[in-house]
Amino acid sequence: MTVCLLLLSVVALTAAVPAPRALTRAAWPEREPVVGLWVWQCLVATVLLCCLAALLLGAAAVFQTVRDQVFAPAPPHVTAAYDLSAAPPWAAALTLLLACGAAWTTAMLTRELVEARRRRTQARAHLRERAPDLPAGLPAARGPLLVLEDEYPDAWWLPGHPSQLVVTTGALHRLTDHQLDAVLTHERGHARAHHDWLLHLSTALATGFPRVPLFAHFCDQTRRLVELAADDTASRRCGHLTTALALIELNQHRGVLSCASSHRLLGERVDRLLQPPPRLGRRHRALTTTVAALVPLVPLLITFAPGLTALG
């Protein structure tokens, strides 16, 4: 069991510290943001699975009740292969630490979901207050598309049940038909990919563990890559130039070309659309995706290796 715990710790530390730093320096996620998001999720899944597997093995070694429950259906020689009776002295401390980490992670996820639901409730209440001021003939607030009277051009997707696509009259006046189609396609891309859930997960982990490089980079890169992925969805339908012009028109009053840090991402998105980078080839994309999908299997293989060896 000591070997399994050490291997799980090494894999978790590798995925949590050097791997995200190398990934943030790579240029290919900008070319393939969807694949980049998948790789980040696989790294996070690897760390979480390593911690969960280590917690399970440590609890089984320290507590006889847990051991009986986990290894109840296993033959005696499988239990003997894990050598749980010879648990190291630090196994109890590690198990307690991992249990506290699991509880804290659950608390952060719950907090983020509760806060997100509260924000959506407030946003929907605000929309209901403004909906009666709509001109006659425009969609009601219950429909999939809501048009609000506002001089500022804006459009956003409000997740929930039911979800709501909102666009202002300022956007309708400023954007052409093709540009408006690009903006709406961008927002629908967020909705189809369920980017809101990914943002909630990354925010909760970064808030709960701010000193873990993986979770901090995961939060920053997720906010960036989901926008790039939605831009690609819009550009495939409406063209790169139309999507870039729509982005400029929609955010011109916010200073889209400003050098301020809060607007830097908008400028990068415009540059990327006007000068699209070369995309990965199909073989490279498939290889990257396959390798990323196999990475979370490493902690499972480490955990079950003694039992599989004993059965063999």
C-alpha atoms as a PDB file:
ATOM      1  CA  MET A   1       0.000   0.000   0.000  1.00  0.00           C
ATOM      2  CA  THR A   2       2.919   2.338   0.705  1.00  0.00           C
ATOM      3  CA  VAL A   3       4.073   2.062  -2.910  1.00  0.00           C
ATOM      4  CA  CYS A   4       0.571   2.860  -4.193  1.00  0.00           C
ATOM      5  CA  LEU A   5       0.295   5.938  -1.970  1.00  0.00           C
ATOM      6  CA  LEU A   6       3.713   7.188  -3.057  1.00  0.00           C
ATOM      7  CA  LEU A   7       2.918   6.672  -6.740  1.00  0.00           C
ATOM      8  CA  LEU A   8      -0.418   8.435  -6.388  1.00  0.00           C
ATOM      9  CA  SER A   9       1.298  11.352  -4.639  1.00  0.00           C
ATOM     10  CA  VAL A  10       3.902  11.638  -7.412  1.00  0.00           C
ATOM     11  CA  VAL A  11       1.248  11.604 -10.150  1.00  0.00           C
ATOM     12  CA  ALA A  12      -0.869  14.181  -8.306  1.00  0.00           C
ATOM     13  CA  LEU A  13       2.095  16.528  -7.725  1.00  0.00           C
ATOM     14  CA  THR A  14       3.204  16.202 -11.346  1.00  0.00           C
ATOM     15  CA  ALA A  15      -0.279  17.033 -12.641  1.00  0.00           C
ATOM     16  CA  ALA A  16      -0.731  19.866 -10.131  1.00  0.00           C
ATOM     17  CA  VAL A  17       2.561  21.765 -10.471  1.00  0.00           C
ATOM     18  CA  PRO A  18       4.811  21.301 -13.555  1.00  0.00           C
ATOM     19  CA  ALA A  19       2.155  20.116 -16.041  1.00  0.00           C
ATOM     20  CA  PRO A  20      -0.111  23.224 -15.840  1.00  0.00           C
ATOM     21  CA  ARG A  21       2.863  25.578 -16.049  1.00  0.00           C
ATOM     22  CA  ALA A  22       4.047  23.858 -19.224  1.00  0.00           C
ATOM     23  CA  LEU A  23       0.529  23.899 -20.666  1.00  0.00           C
ATOM     24  CA  THR A  24       0.106  27.651 -20.072  1.00  0.00           C
ATOM     25  CA  ARG A  25       3.278  28.294 -22.111  1.00  0.00           C
ATOM     26  CA  ALA A  26       2.058  26.159 -25.036  1.00  0.00           C
ATOM     27  CA  ALA A  27       0.648  27.899 -28.114  1.00  0.00           C
ATOM     28  CA  TRP A  28      -1.539  25.108 -29.447  1.00  0.00           C
ATOM     29  CA  PRO A  29      -4.495  25.604 -26.992  1.00  0.00           C
ATOM     30  CA  GLU A  30      -5.130  28.969 -28.673  1.00  0.00           C
ATOM     31  CA  ARG A  31      -5.445  27.155 -32.004  1.00  0.00           C
ATOM     32  CA  GLU A  32      -7.627  24.384 -30.580  1.00  0.00           C
ATOM     33  CA  PRO A  33      -9.419  25.790 -27.502  1.00  0.00           C
ATOM     34  CA  VAL A  34     -11.828  22.852 -27.270  1.00  0.00           C
ATOM     35  CA  VAL A  35      -8.947  20.368 -27.081  1.00  0.00           C
ATOM     36  CA  GLY A  36      -7.213  22.683 -24.617  1.00  0.00           C
ATOM     37  CA  LEU A  37     -10.256  22.702 -22.357  1.00  0.00           C
ATOM     38  CA  TRP A  38     -10.381  18.910 -22.544  1.00  0.00           C
ATOM     39  CA  VAL A  39      -6.697  18.624 -21.536  1.00  0.00           C
ATOM     40  CA  TRP A  40      -7.190  20.976 -18.571  1.00  0.00           C
ATOM     41  CA  GLN A  41     -10.193  18.962 -17.414  1.00  0.00           C
ATOM     42  CA  CYS A  42      -8.191  15.733 -17.685  1.00  0.00           C
ATOM     43  CA  LEU A  43      -5.391  17.195 -15.544  1.00  0.00           C
ATOM     44  CA  VAL A  44      -7.892  18.280 -12.891  1.00  0.00           C
ATOM     45  CA  ALA A  45      -9.592  14.872 -13.025  1.00  0.00           C
ATOM     46  CA  THR A  46      -6.207  13.183 -12.568  1.00  0.00           C
ATOM     47  CA  VAL A  47      -5.428  15.148  -9.404  1.00  0.00           C
ATOM     48  CA  LEU A  48      -8.898  14.605  -7.950  1.00  0.00           C
ATOM     49  CA  LEU A  49      -8.841  10.879  -8.731  1.00  0.00           C
ATOM     50  CA  CYS A  50      -5.375  10.523  -7.193  1.00  0.00           C
ATOM     51  CA  CYS A  51      -6.574  12.174  -3.989  1.00  0.00           C
ATOM     52  CA  LEU A  52      -9.757  10.103  -3.938  1.00  0.00           C
ATOM     53  CA  ALA A  53      -7.879   6.832  -4.508  1.00  0.00           C
ATOM     54  CA  ALA A  54      -5.320   7.712  -1.821  1.00  0.00           C
ATOM     55  CA  LEU A  55      -8.137   8.591   0.573  1.00  0.00           C
ATOM     56  CA  LEU A  56      -9.834   5.270  -0.113  1.00  0.00           C
ATOM     57  CA  LEU A  57      -6.661   3.232   0.430  1.00  0.00           C
ATOM     58  CA  GLY A  58      -5.680   5.201   3.530  1.00  0.00           C
ATOM     59  CA  ALA A  59      -9.126   4.878   5.089  1.00  0.00           C
ATOM     60  CA  ALA A  60      -9.147   1.142   4.350  1.00  0.00           C
ATOM     61  CA  ALA A  61      -5.775   0.769   6.066  1.00  0.00           C
ATOM     62  CA  VAL A  62      -6.666   2.830   9.127  1.00  0.00           C
ATOM     63  CA  PHE A  63     -10.291   1.814   9.698  1.00  0.00           C
ATOM     64  CA  GLN A  64     -11.312  -1.842   9.776  1.00  0.00           C
ATOM     65  CA  THR A  65     -14.938  -0.947   8.975  1.00  0.00           C
ATOM     66  CA  VAL A  66     -13.944   0.803   5.753  1.00  0.00           C
ATOM     67  CA  ARG A  67     -11.681  -2.091   4.835  1.00  0.00           C
ATOM     68  CA  ASP A  68     -14.496  -4.583   5.275  1.00  0.00           C
ATOM     69  CA  GLN A  69     -16.841  -2.506   3.113  1.00  0.00           C
ATOM     70  CA  VAL A  70     -14.346  -1.828   0.304  1.00  0.00           C
ATOM     71  CA  PHE A  71     -12.852  -5.321   0.076  1.00  0.00           C
ATOM     72  CA  ALA A  72     -15.964  -7.310   1.020  1.00  0.00           C
ATOM     73  CA  PRO A  73     -16.486  -8.848  -2.470  1.00  0.00           C
ATOM     74  CA  ALA A  74     -12.746  -9.425  -3.049  1.00  0.00           C
ATOM     75  CA  PRO A  75     -10.989 -12.771  -2.426  1.00  0.00           C
ATOM     76  CA  PRO A  76      -8.650 -12.907   0.604  1.00  0.00           C
ATOM     77  CA  HIS A  77      -5.496 -12.952  -1.530  1.00  0.00           C
ATOM     78  CA  VAL A  78      -6.532  -9.632  -3.149  1.00  0.00           C
ATOM     79  CA  THR A  79      -6.788  -7.984   0.268  1.00  0.00           C
ATOM     80  CA  ALA A  80      -3.436  -9.474   1.203  1.00  0.00           C
ATOM     81  CA  ALA A  81      -1.858  -8.043  -1.967  1.00  0.00           C
ATOM     82  CA  TYR A  82      -2.556  -4.503  -0.751  1.00  0.00           C
ATOM     83  CA  ASP A  83      -0.829  -5.257   2.588  1.00  0.00           C
ATOM     84  CA  LEU A  84      -3.212  -2.955   4.449  1.00  0.00           C
ATOM     85  CA  SER A  85      -2.270  -4.366   7.841  1.00  0.00           C
ATOM     86  CA  ALA A  86       1.250  -2.900   7.477  1.00  0.00           C
ATOM     87  CA  ALA A  87       0.083   0.691   7.056  1.00  0.00           C
ATOM     88  CA  PRO A  88       2.839   3.279   7.603  1.00  0.00           C
ATOM     89  CA  PRO A  89       2.530   5.593  10.633  1.00  0.00           C
ATOM     90  CA  TRP A  90       1.818   8.592   8.415  1.00  0.00           C
ATOM     91  CA  ALA A  91      -1.172   6.890   6.739  1.00  0.00           C
ATOM     92  CA  ALA A  92      -3.586   8.149   9.399  1.00  0.00           C
ATOM     93  CA  ALA A  93      -2.353  11.751   9.043  1.00  0.00           C
ATOM     94  CA  LEU A  94      -2.537  11.561   5.250  1.00  0.00           C
ATOM     95  CA  THR A  95      -6.042  10.097   5.400  1.00  0.00           C
ATOM     96  CA  LEU A  96      -7.212  12.873   7.708  1.00  0.00           C
ATOM     97  CA  LEU A  97      -5.656  15.518   5.462  1.00  0.00           C
ATOM     98  CA  LEU A  98      -7.287  14.066   2.349  1.00  0.00           C
ATOM     99  CA  ALA A  99     -10.637  13.791   4.123  1.00  0.00           C
ATOM    100  CA  CYS A 100     -10.442  17.466   5.099  1.00  0.00           C
ATOM    101  CA  GLY A 101      -9.530  18.336   1.514  1.00  0.00           C
ATOM    102  CA  ALA A 102     -12.491  16.377   0.156  1.00  0.00           C
ATOM    103  CA  ALA A 103     -14.856  18.078   2.606  1.00  0.00           C
ATOM    104  CA  TRP A 104     -13.451  21.512   1.732  1.00  0.00           C
ATOM    105  CA  THR A 105     -13.781  20.808  -2.013  1.00  0.00           C
ATOM    106  CA  THR A 106     -17.396  19.764  -1.552  1.00  0.00           C
ATOM    107  CA  ALA A 107     -18.083  22.897   0.491  1.00  0.00           C
ATOM    108  CA  MET A 108     -16.525  25.154  -2.178  1.00  0.00           C
ATOM    109  CA  LEU A 109     -18.500  23.496  -4.974  1.00  0.00           C
ATOM    110  CA  THR A 110     -21.715  23.806  -2.983  1.00  0.00           C
ATOM    111  CA  ARG A 111     -20.993  27.443  -2.213  1.00  0.00           C
ATOM    112  CA  GLU A 112     -20.299  28.250  -5.869  1.00  0.00           C
ATOM    113  CA  LEU A 113     -23.494  26.555  -7.033  1.00  0.00           C
ATOM    114  CA  VAL A 114     -25.565  28.348  -4.397  1.00  0.00           C
ATOM    115  CA  GLU A 115     -24.024  31.705  -5.336  1.00  0.00           C
ATOM    116  CA  ALA A 116     -24.586  31.027  -9.030  1.00  0.00           C
ATOM    117  CA  ARG A 117     -28.219  30.185  -8.405  1.00  0.00           C
ATOM    118  CA  ARG A 118     -28.630  33.363  -6.358  1.00  0.00           C
ATOM    119  CA  ARG A 119     -27.103  35.466  -9.142  1.00  0.00           C
ATOM    120  CA  ARG A 120     -29.374  33.855 -11.736  1.00  0.00           C
ATOM    121  CA  THR A 121     -32.414  34.493  -9.561  1.00  0.00           C
ATOM    122  CA  GLN A 122     -31.481  38.158  -9.214  1.00  0.00           C
ATOM    123  CA  ALA A 123     -30.832  38.459 -12.959  1.00  0.00           C
ATOM    124  CA  ARG A 124     -34.197  36.906 -13.794  1.00  0.00           C
ATOM    125  CA  ALA A 125     -35.964  39.210 -11.327  1.00  0.00           C
ATOM    126  CA  HIS A 126     -34.253  42.164 -12.996  1.00  0.00           C
ATOM    127  CA  LEU A 127     -35.373  40.942 -16.414  1.00  0.00           C
ATOM    128  CA  ARG A 128     -38.962  40.561 -15.201  1.00  0.00           C
ATOM    129  CA  GLU A 129     -38.887  44.153 -13.991  1.00  0.00           C
ATOM    130  CA  ARG A 130     -37.692  45.423 -17.368  1.00  0.00           C
ATOM    131  CA  ALA A 131     -39.828  43.152 -19.562  1.00  0.00           C
ATOM    132  CA  PRO A 132     -43.064  45.214 -19.195  1.00  0.00           C
ATOM    133  CA  ASP A 133     -41.259  48.204 -20.749  1.00  0.00           C
ATOM    134  CA  LEU A 134     -40.751  46.345 -24.029  1.00  0.00           C
ATOM    135  CA  PRO A 135     -42.402  47.722 -27.158  1.00  0.00           C
ATOM    136  CA  ALA A 136     -45.410  45.846 -28.458  1.00  0.00           C
ATOM    137  CA  GLY A 137     -44.637  42.880 -30.676  1.00  0.00           C
ATOM    138  CA  LEU A 138     -41.273  41.975 -29.145  1.00  0.00           C
ATOM    139  CA  PRO A 139     -40.788  38.520 -27.556  1.00  0.00           C
ATOM    140  CA  ALA A 140     -41.989  38.046 -24.005  1.00  0.00           C
ATOM    141  CA  ALA A 141     -39.638  37.143 -21.180  1.00  0.00           C
ATOM    142  CA  ARG A 142     -40.762  33.526 -21.329  1.00  0.00           C
ATOM    143  CA  GLY A 143     -39.412  32.959 -24.815  1.00  0.00           C
ATOM    144  CA  PRO A 144     -35.918  31.742 -25.768  1.00  0.00           C
ATOM    145  CA  LEU A 145     -34.972  35.251 -26.998  1.00  0.00           C
ATOM    146  CA  LEU A 146     -35.631  38.383 -24.974  1.00  0.00           C
ATOM    147  CA  VAL A 147     -35.085  41.868 -26.411  1.00  0.00           C
ATOM    148  CA  LEU A 148     -34.559  44.608 -23.839  1.00  0.00           C
ATOM    149  CA  GLU A 149     -34.792  48.362 -24.313  1.00  0.00           C
ATOM    150  CA  ASP A 150     -31.257  49.602 -23.687  1.00  0.00           C
ATOM    151  CA  GLU A 151     -29.089  52.043 -25.622  1.00  0.00           C
ATOM    152  CA  TYR A 152     -25.931  50.043 -24.864  1.00  0.00           C
ATOM    153  CA  PRO A 153     -25.272  47.146 -27.245  1.00  0.00           C
ATOM    154  CA  ASP A 154     -25.085  43.883 -25.370  1.00  0.00           C
ATOM    155  CA  ALA A 155     -26.049  40.232 -25.608  1.00  0.00           C
ATOM    156  CA  TRP A 156     -25.687  37.395 -23.129  1.00  0.00           C
ATOM    157  CA  TRP A 157     -26.921  33.931 -22.324  1.00  0.00           C
ATOM    158  CA  LEU A 158     -28.609  33.415 -18.971  1.00  0.00           C
ATOM    159  CA  PRO A 159     -28.291  29.730 -17.981  1.00  0.00           C
ATOM    160  CA  GLY A 160     -30.895  27.916 -15.945  1.00  0.00           C
ATOM    161  CA  HIS A 161     -34.264  26.289 -16.498  1.00  0.00           C
ATOM    162  CA  PRO A 162     -35.384  27.583 -18.863  1.00  0.00           C
ATOM    163  CA  SER A 163     -32.308  29.225 -20.323  1.00  0.00           C
ATOM    164  CA  GLN A 164     -32.636  32.698 -21.801  1.00  0.00           C
ATOM    165  CA  LEU A 165     -30.856  34.489 -24.641  1.00  0.00           C
ATOM    166  CA  VAL A 166     -30.979  38.247 -24.064  1.00  0.00           C
ATOM    167  CA  VAL A 167     -30.121  40.994 -26.552  1.00  0.00           C
ATOM    168  CA  THR A 168     -30.556  44.758 -26.193  1.00  0.00           C
ATOM    169  CA  THR A 169     -32.095  47.145 -28.717  1.00  0.00           C
ATOM    170  CA  GLY A 170     -28.737  48.922 -28.790  1.00  0.00           C
ATOM    171  CA  ALA A 171     -27.198  45.772 -30.252  1.00  0.00           C
ATOM    172  CA  LEU A 172     -30.009  45.485 -32.801  1.00  0.00           C
ATOM    173  CA  HIS A 173     -29.419  49.070 -33.951  1.00  0.00           C
ATOM    174  CA  ARG A 174     -25.616  48.885 -34.044  1.00  0.00           C
ATOM    175  CA  LEU A 175     -25.046  45.423 -35.529  1.00  0.00           C
ATOM    176  CA  THR A 176     -25.838  44.259 -39.038  1.00  0.00           C
ATOM    177  CA  ASP A 177     -27.881  41.115 -39.547  1.00  0.00           C
ATOM    178  CA  HIS A 178     -24.772  38.985 -40.122  1.00  0.00           C
ATOM    179  CA  GLN A 179     -22.997  40.476 -37.119  1.00  0.00           C
ATOM    180  CA  LEU A 180     -26.039  39.876 -34.916  1.00  0.00           C
ATOM    181  CA  ASP A 181     -26.143  36.277 -36.140  1.00  0.00           C
ATOM    182  CA  ALA A 182     -22.473  35.900 -35.140  1.00  0.00           C
ATOM    183  CA  VAL A 183     -23.144  37.289 -31.649  1.00  0.00           C
ATOM    184  CA  LEU A 184     -26.141  35.017 -31.083  1.00  0.00           C
ATOM    185  CA  THR A 185     -24.214  32.006 -32.412  1.00  0.00           C
ATOM    186  CA  HIS A 186     -21.389  32.825 -29.987  1.00  0.00           C
ATOM    187  CA  GLU A 187     -23.780  32.836 -27.035  1.00  0.00           C
ATOM    188  CA  ARG A 188     -25.514  29.660 -28.195  1.00  0.00           C
ATOM    189  CA  GLY A 189     -22.076  28.033 -28.410  1.00  0.00           C
ATOM    190  CA  HIS A 190     -21.614  28.706 -24.694  1.00  0.00           C
ATOM    191  CA  ALA A 191     -25.001  27.177 -23.968  1.00  0.00           C
ATOM    192  CA  ARG A 192     -24.523  24.029 -26.076  1.00  0.00           C
ATOM    193  CA  ALA A 193     -21.123  23.305 -24.516  1.00  0.00           C
ATOM    194  CA  HIS A 194     -22.408  23.986 -20.961  1.00  0.00           C
ATOM    195  CA  HIS A 195     -19.516  26.345 -20.323  1.00  0.00           C
ATOM    196  CA  ASP A 196     -21.268  27.701 -17.229  1.00  0.00           C
ATOM    197  CA  TRP A 197     -20.715  24.391 -15.394  1.00  0.00           C
ATOM    198  CA  LEU A 198     -17.047  24.382 -16.340  1.00  0.00           C
ATOM    199  CA  LEU A 199     -16.675  27.953 -15.087  1.00  0.00           C
ATOM    200  CA  HIS A 200     -18.373  27.067 -11.795  1.00  0.00           C
ATOM    201  CA  LEU A 201     -16.017  24.113 -11.273  1.00  0.00           C
ATOM    202  CA  SER A 202     -12.867  26.077 -12.060  1.00  0.00           C
ATOM    203  CA  THR A 203     -13.937  29.012  -9.878  1.00  0.00           C
ATOM    204  CA  ALA A 204     -14.748  26.763  -6.916  1.00  0.00           C
ATOM    205  CA  LEU A 205     -11.397  24.933  -7.091  1.00  0.00           C
ATOM    206  CA  ALA A 206      -9.413  28.155  -7.503  1.00  0.00           C
ATOM    207  CA  THR A 207     -11.259  29.758  -4.581  1.00  0.00           C
ATOM    208  CA  GLY A 208     -10.805  26.761  -2.317  1.00  0.00           C
ATOM    209  CA  PHE A 209      -7.168  26.055  -3.222  1.00  0.00           C
ATOM    210  CA  PRO A 210      -5.628  29.338  -4.421  1.00  0.00           C
ATOM    211  CA  ARG A 211      -2.047  28.145  -3.845  1.00  0.00           C
ATOM    212  CA  VAL A 212      -2.369  25.067  -6.056  1.00  0.00           C
ATOM    213  CA  PRO A 213      -0.952  26.077  -9.483  1.00  0.00           C
ATOM    214  CA  LEU A 214      -3.202  23.690 -11.395  1.00  0.00           C
ATOM    215  CA  PHE A 215      -6.458  25.092 -10.025  1.00  0.00           C
ATOM    216  CA  ALA A 216      -5.338  28.734 -10.380  1.00  0.00           C
ATOM    217  CA  HIS A 217      -4.271  28.220 -14.006  1.00  0.00           C
ATOM    218  CA  PHE A 218      -7.345  26.098 -14.692  1.00  0.00           C
ATOM    219  CA  CYS A 219      -9.612  28.977 -13.661  1.00  0.00           C
ATOM    220  CA  ASP A 220      -7.749  31.589 -15.722  1.00  0.00           C
ATOM    221  CA  GLN A 221      -7.407  29.415 -18.806  1.00  0.00           C
ATOM    222  CA  THR A 222     -11.005  28.223 -18.672  1.00  0.00           C
ATOM    223  CA  ARG A 223     -12.331  31.795 -18.764  1.00  0.00           C
ATOM    224  CA  ARG A 224     -10.108  32.467 -21.757  1.00  0.00           C
ATOM    225  CA  LEU A 225     -10.585  29.253 -23.708  1.00  0.00           C
ATOM    226  CA  VAL A 226     -14.392  29.146 -23.442  1.00  0.00           C
ATOM    227  CA  GLU A 227     -14.523  32.543 -25.167  1.00  0.00           C
ATOM    228  CA  LEU A 228     -12.133  31.378 -27.888  1.00  0.00           C
ATOM    229  CA  ALA A 229     -14.181  28.216 -28.385  1.00  0.00           C
ATOM    230  CA  ALA A 230     -17.404  30.236 -28.722  1.00  0.00           C
ATOM    231  CA  ASP A 231     -15.647  32.605 -31.147  1.00  0.00           C
ATOM    232  CA  ASP A 232     -14.689  29.607 -33.283  1.00  0.00           C
ATOM    233  CA  THR A 233     -18.301  28.421 -33.280  1.00  0.00           C
ATOM    234  CA  ALA A 234     -19.447  31.824 -34.517  1.00  0.00           C
ATOM    235  CA  SER A 235     -16.651  32.206 -37.071  1.00  0.00           C
ATOM    236  CA  ARG A 236     -17.360  28.811 -38.630  1.00  0.00           C
ATOM    237  CA  ARG A 237     -20.954  29.896 -39.264  1.00  0.00           C
ATOM    238  CA  CYS A 238     -20.550  33.590 -40.028  1.00  0.00           C
ATOM    239  CA  GLY A 239     -16.889  34.057 -40.947  1.00  0.00           C
ATOM    240  CA  HIS A 240     -13.873  35.375 -39.067  1.00  0.00           C
ATOM    241  CA  LEU A 241     -14.194  38.983 -40.266  1.00  0.00           C
ATOM    242  CA  THR A 242     -17.896  39.243 -39.450  1.00  0.00           C
ATOM    243  CA  THR A 243     -17.352  37.804 -35.974  1.00  0.00           C
ATOM    244  CA  ALA A 244     -14.429  40.171 -35.314  1.00  0.00           C
ATOM    245  CA  LEU A 245     -16.432  43.215 -36.444  1.00  0.00           C
ATOM    246  CA  ALA A 246     -19.381  42.118 -34.308  1.00  0.00           C
ATOM    247  CA  LEU A 247     -17.075  41.789 -31.306  1.00  0.00           C
ATOM    248  CA  ILE A 248     -15.689  45.290 -31.888  1.00  0.00           C
ATOM    249  CA  GLU A 249     -19.096  46.885 -32.375  1.00  0.00           C
ATOM    250  CA  LEU A 250     -20.550  45.145 -29.355  1.00  0.00           C
ATOM    251  CA  ASN A 251     -17.730  46.161 -27.027  1.00  0.00           C
ATOM    252  CA  GLN A 252     -16.549  49.458 -28.484  1.00  0.00           C
ATOM    253  CA  HIS A 253     -18.089  51.464 -25.657  1.00  0.00           C
ATOM    254  CA  ARG A 254     -16.178  49.269 -23.166  1.00  0.00           C
ATOM    255  CA  GLY A 255     -12.795  49.940 -24.793  1.00  0.00           C
ATOM    256  CA  VAL A 256     -12.282  46.652 -26.623  1.00  0.00           C
ATOM    257  CA  LEU A 257      -8.937  47.813 -28.027  1.00  0.00           C
ATOM    258  CA  SER A 258      -7.737  49.184 -24.690  1.00  0.00           C
ATOM    259  CA  CYS A 259      -4.536  47.927 -23.083  1.00  0.00           C
ATOM    260  CA  ALA A 260      -6.230  47.599 -19.700  1.00  0.00           C
ATOM    261  CA  SER A 261      -5.969  44.102 -18.252  1.00  0.00           C
ATOM    262  CA  SER A 262      -9.759  43.720 -18.041  1.00  0.00           C
ATOM    263  CA  HIS A 263     -10.067  44.371 -21.781  1.00  0.00           C
ATOM    264  CA  ARG A 264      -6.918  42.585 -22.921  1.00  0.00           C
ATOM    265  CA  LEU A 265      -8.764  39.358 -23.681  1.00  0.00           C
ATOM    266  CA  LEU A 266     -11.158  41.194 -26.009  1.00  0.00           C
ATOM    267  CA  GLY A 267      -8.217  42.613 -27.944  1.00  0.00           C
ATOM    268  CA  GLU A 268      -6.613  39.173 -28.183  1.00  0.00           C
ATOM    269  CA  ARG A 269      -9.856  37.698 -29.447  1.00  0.00           C
ATOM    270  CA  VAL A 270     -10.158  40.359 -32.156  1.00  0.00           C
ATOM    271  CA  ASP A 271      -6.540  39.831 -33.262  1.00  0.00           C
ATOM    272  CA  ARG A 272      -7.069  36.084 -33.317  1.00  0.00           C
ATOM    273  CA  LEU A 273     -10.181  36.394 -35.495  1.00  0.00           C
ATOM    274  CA  LEU A 274      -8.540  38.851 -37.903  1.00  0.00           C
ATOM    275  CA  GLN A 275      -5.400  36.690 -38.125  1.00  0.00           C
ATOM    276  CA  PRO A 276      -6.579  33.140 -37.431  1.00  0.00           C
ATOM    277  CA  PRO A 277      -3.684  30.876 -36.348  1.00  0.00           C
ATOM    278  CA  PRO A 278      -3.009  27.630 -38.228  1.00  0.00           C
ATOM    279  CA  ARG A 279      -5.041  24.807 -36.790  1.00  0.00           C
ATOM    280  CA  LEU A 280      -3.802  21.422 -35.662  1.00  0.00           C
ATOM    281  CA  GLY A 281      -4.032  18.571 -38.088  1.00  0.00           C
ATOM    282  CA  ARG A 282      -6.600  15.844 -37.526  1.00  0.00           C
ATOM    283  CA  ARG A 283      -3.984  13.289 -36.492  1.00  0.00           C
ATOM    284  CA  HIS A 284      -2.333  15.673 -34.027  1.00  0.00           C
ATOM    285  CA  ARG A 285      -5.706  16.673 -32.597  1.00  0.00           C
ATOM    286  CA  ALA A 286      -6.828  13.053 -32.254  1.00  0.00           C
ATOM    287  CA  LEU A 287      -3.518  12.055 -30.629  1.00  0.00           C
ATOM    288  CA  THR A 288      -3.668  14.943 -28.143  1.00  0.00           C
ATOM    289  CA  THR A 289      -7.269  14.182 -27.228  1.00  0.00           C
ATOM    290  CA  THR A 290      -6.579  10.459 -26.821  1.00  0.00           C
ATOM    291  CA  VAL A 291      -3.547  11.012 -24.597  1.00  0.00           C
ATOM    292  CA  ALA A 292      -5.465  13.523 -22.471  1.00  0.00           C
ATOM    293  CA  ALA A 293      -8.359  11.090 -22.086  1.00  0.00           C
ATOM    294  CA  LEU A 294      -6.016   8.315 -20.933  1.00  0.00           C
ATOM    295  CA  VAL A 295      -4.229  10.444 -18.318  1.00  0.00           C
ATOM    296  CA  PRO A 296      -6.994  10.151 -15.649  1.00  0.00           C
ATOM    297  CA  LEU A 297      -6.728   6.348 -15.932  1.00  0.00           C
ATOM    298  CA  VAL A 298      -3.246   6.426 -14.372  1.00  0.00           C
ATOM    299  CA  PRO A 299      -4.415   6.771 -10.732  1.00  0.00           C
ATOM    300  CA  LEU A 300      -6.991   4.014 -11.278  1.00  0.00           C
ATOM    301  CA  LEU A 301      -4.337   1.676 -12.672  1.00  0.00           C
ATOM    302  CA  ILE A 302      -2.032   2.442  -9.738  1.00  0.00           C
ATOM    303  CA  THR A 303      -4.822   1.799  -7.242  1.00  0.00           C
ATOM    304  CA  PHE A 304      -6.051  -1.461  -8.715  1.00  0.00           C
ATOM    305  CA  ALA A 305      -2.673  -2.854  -9.776  1.00  0.00           C
ATOM    306  CA  PRO A 306      -2.115  -4.989  -6.623  1.00  0.00           C
ATOM    307  CA  GLY A 307      -5.606  -6.515  -6.866  1.00  0.00           C
ATOM    308  CA  LEU A 308      -5.241  -7.237 -10.592  1.00  0.00           C
ATOM    309  CA  THR A 309      -1.822  -8.810  -9.995  1.00  0.00           C
ATOM    310  CA  ALA A 310      -3.230 -10.996  -7.236  1.00  0.00           C
ATOM    311  CA  LEU A 311      -6.111 -12.142  -9.434  1.00  0.00           C
ATOM    312  CA  GLY A 312      -3.665 -12.988 -12.200  1.00  0.00           C
END
